[in-house]
Protein backbone atom coordinates (compact mmCIF):
# COMPACT_ATOMS: atom_id res chain seq x y z
CA MET A 1 -25.81 15.34 -38.01
CA ARG A 2 -25.89 11.56 -38.72
CA PRO A 3 -23.20 10.12 -40.98
CA LEU A 4 -24.25 9.77 -44.72
CA SER A 5 -24.47 6.29 -46.00
CA ILE A 6 -22.43 5.95 -48.91
CA LEU A 7 -22.30 3.03 -51.26
CA SER A 8 -18.42 4.17 -52.95
CA ILE A 9 -16.74 6.77 -53.94
CA VAL A 10 -14.69 6.92 -57.30
CA GLU A 11 -11.99 9.19 -57.82
CA ASP A 12 -11.03 10.46 -61.39
CA THR A 13 -14.24 9.27 -63.28
CA VAL A 14 -15.26 10.78 -66.56
CA VAL A 15 -18.86 9.35 -67.09
CA ASP A 16 -20.77 11.20 -64.15
CA GLY A 17 -20.38 14.66 -65.85
CA PRO A 18 -17.56 16.65 -67.85
CA GLY A 19 -14.13 16.24 -67.13
CA PHE A 20 -12.26 14.72 -64.10
CA ARG A 21 -14.71 13.80 -61.20
CA THR A 22 -14.83 12.59 -57.68
CA SER A 23 -18.32 10.80 -57.80
CA ILE A 24 -19.91 9.67 -54.44
CA TYR A 25 -22.73 7.31 -54.74
CA ALA A 26 -25.12 7.28 -52.16
CA ALA A 27 -27.06 4.35 -50.63
CA GLY A 28 -30.87 4.61 -50.40
CA CYS A 29 -33.24 5.18 -53.37
CA LEU A 30 -37.00 4.81 -53.44
CA HIS A 31 -37.43 4.83 -57.11
CA HIS A 32 -36.68 1.36 -57.84
CA CYS A 33 -36.52 2.13 -61.46
CA PRO A 34 -36.94 -1.14 -63.55
CA GLY A 35 -33.66 -1.71 -65.72
CA CYS A 36 -31.67 0.66 -62.93
CA HIS A 37 -28.12 -0.02 -63.56
CA ASN A 38 -27.16 0.19 -59.71
CA PRO A 39 -30.17 -1.69 -57.75
CA GLU A 40 -27.71 -2.36 -55.09
CA SER A 41 -28.02 1.32 -54.27
CA TRP A 42 -31.62 0.89 -53.25
CA ASP A 43 -30.99 -0.29 -49.66
CA ILE A 44 -29.77 2.46 -47.41
CA ALA A 45 -28.20 -0.31 -45.01
CA GLN A 46 -25.85 -1.42 -47.82
CA GLY A 47 -23.74 1.97 -47.68
CA GLN A 48 -20.91 2.64 -45.09
CA PRO A 49 -21.18 5.58 -42.84
CA TYR A 50 -19.17 8.70 -43.75
CA THR A 51 -19.29 12.27 -41.79
CA VAL A 52 -19.52 15.21 -43.95
CA GLU A 53 -15.81 16.13 -42.82
CA GLU A 54 -14.65 12.63 -44.14
CA LEU A 55 -16.23 12.96 -47.79
CA LEU A 56 -14.93 16.65 -47.76
CA GLN A 57 -11.44 15.59 -47.32
CA ARG A 58 -11.72 13.07 -50.26
CA VAL A 59 -13.34 15.67 -52.31
CA LEU A 60 -10.58 18.19 -51.72
CA GLU A 61 -7.65 15.57 -51.76
CA ASP A 62 -8.08 16.26 -55.76
CA PRO A 63 -7.56 19.77 -56.63
CA PHE A 64 -8.56 19.04 -60.50
CA ALA A 65 -11.53 17.17 -60.19
CA ASP A 66 -15.15 18.24 -59.66
CA VAL A 67 -17.80 16.49 -57.74
CA THR A 68 -20.84 14.50 -58.82
CA PHE A 69 -23.63 13.15 -56.23
CA SER A 70 -25.14 10.05 -57.54
CA GLY A 71 -26.61 6.95 -56.02
CA GLY A 72 -29.24 5.61 -55.35
CA ASP A 73 -30.61 8.99 -54.90
CA PRO A 74 -28.82 11.71 -52.74
CA PHE A 75 -32.07 13.41 -52.25
CA PHE A 76 -33.11 10.46 -50.15
CA GLN A 77 -30.33 11.74 -47.57
CA ALA A 78 -30.86 15.55 -48.71
CA GLU A 79 -29.86 17.13 -45.33
CA GLY A 80 -26.42 15.33 -45.27
CA PHE A 81 -25.83 16.02 -48.82
CA ALA A 82 -26.67 19.82 -48.64
CA ALA A 83 -24.28 20.15 -45.68
CA LEU A 84 -21.42 18.30 -47.52
CA ALA A 85 -22.42 20.56 -50.78
CA ARG A 86 -22.22 23.77 -48.61
CA ALA A 87 -18.81 22.62 -47.19
CA ILE A 88 -17.25 22.15 -50.81
CA ARG A 89 -18.52 25.37 -51.65
CA ARG A 90 -17.10 27.09 -48.57
CA GLU A 91 -13.64 25.20 -49.23
CA SER A 92 -13.31 25.31 -53.27
CA THR A 93 -14.60 26.29 -56.48
CA LYS A 94 -15.36 22.77 -57.55
CA SER A 95 -18.76 22.30 -59.52
CA ILE A 96 -21.42 20.08 -58.12
CA TRP A 97 -23.36 17.72 -60.28
CA CYS A 98 -26.22 15.67 -59.00
CA TYR A 99 -28.38 12.62 -60.38
CA THR A 100 -31.87 12.04 -59.01
CA GLY A 101 -34.89 10.05 -60.04
CA TYR A 102 -37.00 13.05 -58.74
CA CYS A 103 -38.06 15.64 -61.28
CA TYR A 104 -36.76 19.33 -60.69
CA GLU A 105 -40.13 20.89 -59.94
CA GLN A 106 -40.65 18.15 -57.31
CA LEU A 107 -37.76 19.07 -55.43
CA LEU A 108 -38.66 22.69 -55.54
CA GLU A 109 -41.57 21.83 -53.10
CA HIS A 110 -39.71 20.12 -50.37
CA PRO A 111 -37.48 22.53 -47.89
CA LEU A 112 -34.79 19.75 -47.37
CA HIS A 113 -34.62 18.71 -51.09
CA ARG A 114 -34.56 22.50 -52.17
CA ALA A 115 -31.76 23.25 -49.53
CA LEU A 116 -29.49 20.55 -51.64
CA LEU A 117 -30.73 21.70 -54.74
CA GLU A 118 -29.76 25.16 -54.08
CA GLN A 119 -26.05 23.87 -53.91
CA VAL A 120 -26.01 22.35 -56.93
CA ASP A 121 -24.56 23.48 -60.57
CA VAL A 122 -26.35 20.61 -62.72
CA LEU A 123 -29.14 18.50 -62.12
CA VAL A 124 -29.85 15.43 -64.12
CA ASP A 125 -33.19 14.86 -63.09
CA GLY A 126 -36.03 11.98 -63.80
CA PRO A 127 -36.30 8.24 -63.30
CA PHE A 128 -34.49 5.99 -65.85
CA ILE A 129 -37.06 4.68 -68.04
CA ALA A 130 -35.86 1.60 -69.93
CA SER A 131 -38.02 2.18 -73.00
CA GLN A 132 -36.43 5.70 -73.43
CA ARG A 133 -32.89 4.21 -72.95
CA ARG A 134 -30.99 5.85 -75.99
CA GLU A 135 -27.26 5.10 -76.68
CA GLY A 136 -25.14 8.36 -77.13
CA LEU A 137 -26.93 10.50 -74.71
CA ARG A 138 -24.43 12.55 -72.82
CA PHE A 139 -24.57 12.00 -69.03
CA ARG A 140 -27.83 10.47 -68.86
CA GLY A 141 -29.45 6.95 -69.43
CA SER A 142 -32.92 7.94 -70.89
CA ALA A 143 -34.11 10.24 -73.12
CA ASN A 144 -36.80 12.03 -70.42
CA GLN A 145 -33.81 12.71 -68.19
CA ARG A 146 -32.73 16.40 -68.38
CA LEU A 147 -29.69 18.42 -67.73
CA ILE A 148 -30.71 21.45 -65.88
CA ASP A 149 -28.67 24.52 -65.04
CA VAL A 150 -30.10 24.65 -61.66
CA GLN A 151 -28.53 27.99 -60.61
CA GLN A 152 -29.99 29.64 -63.76
CA SER A 153 -33.34 28.21 -63.32
CA LEU A 154 -33.36 29.47 -59.43
CA ALA A 155 -32.36 32.99 -60.42
CA ARG A 156 -34.89 32.90 -63.57
CA GLN A 157 -37.59 31.11 -61.55
CA GLN A 158 -38.23 28.94 -64.76
CA LEU A 159 -36.43 25.82 -65.99
CA VAL A 160 -33.39 26.35 -67.87
CA LEU A 161 -31.98 23.46 -69.53
CA LEU A 162 -28.10 22.94 -70.04
CA ASP A 163 -27.45 23.68 -73.55
CA GLU A 164 -25.39 20.75 -75.10
CA LEU A 165 -22.72 23.39 -76.24
CA ALA A 166 -22.46 24.92 -72.67
CA PRO A 167 -19.03 25.38 -71.18
CA TYR A 168 -19.92 22.21 -69.04
CA LEU A 169 -19.60 20.11 -71.63
């Protein structure tokens, strides 16, 4: 498998999901949302190569931090991130959050995207829309973006939004 192109790894962050998290920022994004807070992430060539094993070791170094995939868009490198998520699941009980500019419904249609989606606990979906930016939104930048309980959504075969009072928060 090709190495993943990664912009950065931020340990013990509290902005990409609840509690302390190890956030892995993917390089590469086709959405190019106006007002994106991370436009340098659009070009996959801006990242540094990491193997799944190298990333797994970084994630496992902190036994208390959960994991967030962000970017860029992790679904731009879905096959590699799915392999990483499966390895994290095999080696730990860490929750996995993932940010994407795609909508959940779109991800279900593509086998490689769905393989990653199936490993994710919470998906923050949808493009950033500057006109819908709202201060005070938890873990997302614009009001159109949804916090989705992926495992419940897959099990029920219908979209399940994460309740603001859910244990994740």
